[in-house]
Amino acid sequence: MSETQPAAPKPPTVPPATGWPAELMTALELDGVHPDFARLASLARHAAATSGNDEDAAATAFIAGYAAGLAEGSGQACFDRAHRASLRGIERLLDRPTP
């Protein structure tokens, strides 16, 4: 008797970039990459609001992308998976109580 494994949950569908982000991604040859800009923007705004420093929004977005790029470039994960993991990491840090 063979047991079947349940199918892994599919990641949510992320709408493609449009406007300025799409132009920038094309200019940087990032076609085929699908960042979750809405989730990232929300996390970046939350980070800035939590710290009281508006610059933390840009830093959060940069670090999330950099971490995902490193994971993809080193072969640890495809970009989509690495991007989701970096966003989850940010969410965990933002949900921590402040000392």
N, C-alpha and C. Protein backbone atom coordinates (compact mmCIF):
# COMPACT_ATOMS: atom_id res chain seq x y z
N MET A 1 0.84 -1.16 0.00
CA MET A 1 0.00 0.00 0.00
C MET A 1 0.90 1.24 0.00
N SER A 2 0.70 2.10 -0.95
CA SER A 2 1.53 3.30 -1.01
C SER A 2 0.78 4.48 -0.42
N GLU A 3 1.53 5.26 0.32
CA GLU A 3 0.95 6.46 0.90
C GLU A 3 1.30 7.65 0.02
N THR A 4 0.35 8.49 -0.19
CA THR A 4 0.63 9.68 -0.99
C THR A 4 0.84 10.86 -0.06
N GLN A 5 1.80 11.66 -0.42
CA GLN A 5 2.09 12.87 0.34
C GLN A 5 1.13 13.96 -0.10
N PRO A 6 0.67 14.78 0.85
CA PRO A 6 -0.19 15.89 0.44
C PRO A 6 0.63 16.87 -0.40
N ALA A 7 -0.04 17.48 -1.34
CA ALA A 7 0.64 18.44 -2.20
C ALA A 7 1.08 19.64 -1.38
N ALA A 8 2.26 20.15 -1.70
CA ALA A 8 2.76 21.35 -1.02
C ALA A 8 1.86 22.52 -1.39
N PRO A 9 1.61 23.39 -0.44
CA PRO A 9 0.77 24.55 -0.77
C PRO A 9 1.46 25.42 -1.80
N LYS A 10 0.67 25.93 -2.74
CA LYS A 10 1.22 26.81 -3.76
C LYS A 10 1.34 28.21 -3.19
N PRO A 11 2.43 28.91 -3.54
CA PRO A 11 2.55 30.29 -3.07
C PRO A 11 1.47 31.16 -3.70
N PRO A 12 1.10 32.25 -3.03
CA PRO A 12 0.08 33.11 -3.61
C PRO A 12 0.55 33.70 -4.92
N THR A 13 -0.38 33.93 -5.81
CA THR A 13 -0.06 34.54 -7.09
C THR A 13 0.22 36.01 -6.88
N VAL A 14 1.35 36.46 -7.40
CA VAL A 14 1.75 37.85 -7.27
C VAL A 14 1.55 38.53 -8.62
N PRO A 15 0.84 39.66 -8.64
CA PRO A 15 0.65 40.33 -9.93
C PRO A 15 1.98 40.82 -10.48
N PRO A 16 2.13 40.85 -11.80
CA PRO A 16 3.39 41.31 -12.38
C PRO A 16 3.59 42.80 -12.12
N ALA A 17 4.85 43.19 -12.10
CA ALA A 17 5.19 44.60 -11.92
C ALA A 17 4.68 45.40 -13.11
N THR A 18 4.27 46.62 -12.82
CA THR A 18 3.84 47.54 -13.87
C THR A 18 4.50 48.89 -13.62
N GLY A 19 4.42 49.77 -14.60
CA GLY A 19 4.93 51.12 -14.43
C GLY A 19 6.42 51.17 -14.16
N TRP A 20 6.80 52.09 -13.27
CA TRP A 20 8.21 52.31 -12.97
C TRP A 20 8.92 51.02 -12.52
N PRO A 21 8.38 50.23 -11.57
CA PRO A 21 9.08 49.00 -11.19
C PRO A 21 9.34 48.07 -12.38
N ALA A 22 8.38 47.95 -13.29
CA ALA A 22 8.57 47.09 -14.47
C ALA A 22 9.68 47.63 -15.35
N GLU A 23 9.70 48.95 -15.55
CA GLU A 23 10.76 49.55 -16.37
C GLU A 23 12.13 49.34 -15.74
N LEU A 24 12.21 49.53 -14.43
CA LEU A 24 13.49 49.35 -13.73
C LEU A 24 13.94 47.89 -13.79
N MET A 25 13.01 46.97 -13.58
CA MET A 25 13.37 45.55 -13.64
C MET A 25 13.87 45.17 -15.03
N THR A 26 13.24 45.71 -16.07
CA THR A 26 13.70 45.44 -17.43
C THR A 26 15.09 46.03 -17.65
N ALA A 27 15.29 47.27 -17.20
CA ALA A 27 16.60 47.92 -17.36
C ALA A 27 17.70 47.15 -16.64
N LEU A 28 17.37 46.52 -15.51
CA LEU A 28 18.35 45.76 -14.74
C LEU A 28 18.37 44.28 -15.12
N GLU A 29 17.66 43.95 -16.20
CA GLU A 29 17.59 42.58 -16.73
C GLU A 29 17.07 41.59 -15.69
N LEU A 30 15.98 41.99 -15.02
CA LEU A 30 15.36 41.13 -14.01
C LEU A 30 14.03 40.57 -14.50
N ASP A 31 13.91 40.42 -15.79
CA ASP A 31 12.69 39.84 -16.34
C ASP A 31 12.51 38.42 -15.81
N GLY A 32 11.26 38.06 -15.56
CA GLY A 32 10.97 36.71 -15.07
C GLY A 32 10.97 36.61 -13.56
N VAL A 33 11.30 37.69 -12.87
CA VAL A 33 11.30 37.72 -11.41
C VAL A 33 9.99 38.38 -10.98
N HIS A 34 9.36 37.83 -9.95
CA HIS A 34 8.05 38.33 -9.54
C HIS A 34 8.02 38.67 -8.05
N PRO A 35 8.64 39.79 -7.66
CA PRO A 35 8.60 40.17 -6.25
C PRO A 35 7.18 40.56 -5.83
N ASP A 36 6.89 40.35 -4.57
CA ASP A 36 5.60 40.73 -4.01
C ASP A 36 5.73 42.16 -3.49
N PHE A 37 5.58 43.12 -4.39
CA PHE A 37 5.80 44.52 -4.04
C PHE A 37 4.81 45.01 -2.98
N ALA A 38 3.58 44.56 -3.03
CA ALA A 38 2.59 45.01 -2.06
C ALA A 38 2.99 44.57 -0.65
N ARG A 39 3.38 43.32 -0.51
CA ARG A 39 3.77 42.80 0.80
C ARG A 39 5.06 43.47 1.27
N LEU A 40 6.01 43.64 0.36
CA LEU A 40 7.27 44.29 0.71
C LEU A 40 7.03 45.74 1.14
N ALA A 41 6.19 46.46 0.40
CA ALA A 41 5.90 47.85 0.76
C ALA A 41 5.25 47.94 2.13
N SER A 42 4.33 47.03 2.40
CA SER A 42 3.66 47.02 3.70
C SER A 42 4.66 46.77 4.83
N LEU A 43 5.55 45.80 4.62
CA LEU A 43 6.56 45.51 5.64
C LEU A 43 7.52 46.68 5.82
N ALA A 44 7.90 47.31 4.72
CA ALA A 44 8.82 48.44 4.80
C ALA A 44 8.19 49.61 5.56
N ARG A 45 6.91 49.88 5.28
CA ARG A 45 6.22 50.94 6.01
C ARG A 45 6.11 50.60 7.50
N HIS A 46 5.82 49.33 7.78
CA HIS A 46 5.72 48.89 9.17
C HIS A 46 7.06 49.04 9.88
N ALA A 47 8.15 48.68 9.22
CA ALA A 47 9.48 48.82 9.81
C ALA A 47 9.78 50.27 10.14
N ALA A 48 9.46 51.18 9.22
CA ALA A 48 9.71 52.61 9.45
C ALA A 48 8.84 53.13 10.59
N ALA A 49 7.59 52.70 10.63
CA ALA A 49 6.69 53.15 11.70
C ALA A 49 7.14 52.61 13.05
N THR A 50 7.60 51.38 13.08
CA THR A 50 8.03 50.76 14.33
C THR A 50 9.27 51.45 14.89
N SER A 51 10.19 51.79 14.01
CA SER A 51 11.44 52.39 14.46
C SER A 51 11.35 53.91 14.60
N GLY A 52 10.38 54.50 13.91
CA GLY A 52 10.28 55.95 13.90
C GLY A 52 11.25 56.61 12.94
N ASN A 53 11.87 55.81 12.08
CA ASN A 53 12.86 56.32 11.14
C ASN A 53 12.40 55.99 9.72
N ASP A 54 12.03 57.01 8.95
CA ASP A 54 11.54 56.79 7.59
C ASP A 54 12.53 56.05 6.70
N GLU A 55 13.82 56.24 6.94
CA GLU A 55 14.85 55.58 6.12
C GLU A 55 14.84 54.06 6.29
N ASP A 56 14.26 53.58 7.35
CA ASP A 56 14.21 52.13 7.57
C ASP A 56 13.33 51.43 6.53
N ALA A 57 12.42 52.15 5.90
CA ALA A 57 11.61 51.55 4.84
C ALA A 57 12.50 51.16 3.66
N ALA A 58 13.35 52.08 3.22
CA ALA A 58 14.25 51.79 2.10
C ALA A 58 15.24 50.70 2.48
N ALA A 59 15.77 50.77 3.69
CA ALA A 59 16.73 49.76 4.14
C ALA A 59 16.09 48.37 4.17
N THR A 60 14.85 48.30 4.65
CA THR A 60 14.14 47.02 4.70
C THR A 60 13.97 46.44 3.31
N ALA A 61 13.55 47.27 2.35
CA ALA A 61 13.35 46.80 0.99
C ALA A 61 14.68 46.34 0.37
N PHE A 62 15.74 47.11 0.57
CA PHE A 62 17.04 46.73 0.03
C PHE A 62 17.52 45.41 0.61
N ILE A 63 17.45 45.29 1.92
CA ILE A 63 17.94 44.08 2.58
C ILE A 63 17.15 42.85 2.16
N ALA A 64 15.84 42.98 2.02
CA ALA A 64 15.01 41.85 1.58
C ALA A 64 15.44 41.39 0.19
N GLY A 65 15.64 42.33 -0.72
CA GLY A 65 16.06 41.98 -2.08
C GLY A 65 17.47 41.43 -2.12
N TYR A 66 18.35 42.01 -1.34
CA TYR A 66 19.73 41.55 -1.31
C TYR A 66 19.82 40.12 -0.79
N ALA A 67 19.09 39.85 0.29
CA ALA A 67 19.10 38.50 0.86
C ALA A 67 18.56 37.48 -0.14
N ALA A 68 17.48 37.84 -0.82
CA ALA A 68 16.91 36.93 -1.81
C ALA A 68 17.88 36.72 -2.96
N GLY A 69 18.52 37.77 -3.40
CA GLY A 69 19.50 37.66 -4.49
C GLY A 69 20.68 36.78 -4.12
N LEU A 70 21.17 36.93 -2.89
CA LEU A 70 22.27 36.09 -2.43
C LEU A 70 21.86 34.62 -2.39
N ALA A 71 20.66 34.36 -1.87
CA ALA A 71 20.20 32.97 -1.79
C ALA A 71 20.05 32.37 -3.18
N GLU A 72 19.51 33.15 -4.11
CA GLU A 72 19.36 32.64 -5.48
C GLU A 72 20.74 32.45 -6.13
N GLY A 73 21.58 33.45 -6.00
CA GLY A 73 22.90 33.39 -6.64
C GLY A 73 23.77 32.26 -6.12
N SER A 74 23.60 31.88 -4.87
CA SER A 74 24.40 30.80 -4.30
C SER A 74 23.77 29.43 -4.53
N GLY A 75 22.59 29.42 -5.16
CA GLY A 75 21.92 28.15 -5.44
C GLY A 75 21.10 27.60 -4.28
N GLN A 76 20.90 28.38 -3.23
CA GLN A 76 20.11 27.90 -2.10
C GLN A 76 18.64 27.78 -2.44
N ALA A 77 18.14 28.67 -3.29
CA ALA A 77 16.71 28.65 -3.64
C ALA A 77 16.49 29.49 -4.89
N CYS A 78 15.39 29.21 -5.57
CA CYS A 78 15.02 30.07 -6.69
C CYS A 78 14.62 31.43 -6.11
N PHE A 79 14.59 32.45 -6.95
CA PHE A 79 14.31 33.79 -6.44
C PHE A 79 12.97 33.86 -5.72
N ASP A 80 11.91 33.32 -6.31
CA ASP A 80 10.59 33.44 -5.70
C ASP A 80 10.57 32.86 -4.29
N ARG A 81 11.19 31.71 -4.13
CA ARG A 81 11.22 31.08 -2.81
C ARG A 81 12.09 31.89 -1.84
N ALA A 82 13.24 32.36 -2.33
CA ALA A 82 14.13 33.16 -1.49
C ALA A 82 13.47 34.48 -1.09
N HIS A 83 12.75 35.08 -2.01
CA HIS A 83 12.05 36.34 -1.73
C HIS A 83 10.99 36.13 -0.65
N ARG A 84 10.20 35.07 -0.79
CA ARG A 84 9.18 34.79 0.24
C ARG A 84 9.83 34.55 1.60
N ALA A 85 10.97 33.85 1.60
CA ALA A 85 11.66 33.58 2.87
C ALA A 85 12.19 34.87 3.50
N SER A 86 12.71 35.78 2.68
CA SER A 86 13.21 37.03 3.25
C SER A 86 12.05 37.85 3.82
N LEU A 87 10.90 37.84 3.16
CA LEU A 87 9.74 38.57 3.69
C LEU A 87 9.25 37.95 4.99
N ARG A 88 9.26 36.61 5.06
CA ARG A 88 8.85 35.95 6.31
C ARG A 88 9.81 36.31 7.45
N GLY A 89 11.10 36.40 7.14
CA GLY A 89 12.08 36.78 8.16
C GLY A 89 11.82 38.19 8.68
N ILE A 90 11.50 39.11 7.78
CA ILE A 90 11.19 40.47 8.19
C ILE A 90 9.93 40.48 9.05
N GLU A 91 8.93 39.73 8.63
CA GLU A 91 7.68 39.65 9.42
C GLU A 91 7.97 39.15 10.83
N ARG A 92 8.79 38.12 10.96
CA ARG A 92 9.11 37.59 12.28
C ARG A 92 9.79 38.65 13.15
N LEU A 93 10.74 39.38 12.56
CA LEU A 93 11.44 40.41 13.33
C LEU A 93 10.49 41.53 13.74
N LEU A 94 9.61 41.92 12.84
CA LEU A 94 8.68 43.01 13.16
C LEU A 94 7.64 42.59 14.20
N ASP A 95 7.34 41.29 14.27
CA ASP A 95 6.35 40.81 15.23
C ASP A 95 6.95 40.59 16.63
N ARG A 96 8.28 40.64 16.72
CA ARG A 96 8.92 40.46 18.03
C ARG A 96 8.63 41.65 18.92
N PRO A 97 8.42 41.40 20.19
CA PRO A 97 8.26 42.54 21.10
C PRO A 97 9.58 43.30 21.19
N THR A 98 9.50 44.60 21.29
CA THR A 98 10.71 45.41 21.41
C THR A 98 11.20 45.37 22.85
N PRO A 99 12.53 45.34 23.03
CA PRO A 99 13.08 45.26 24.40
C PRO A 99 12.82 46.53 25.19
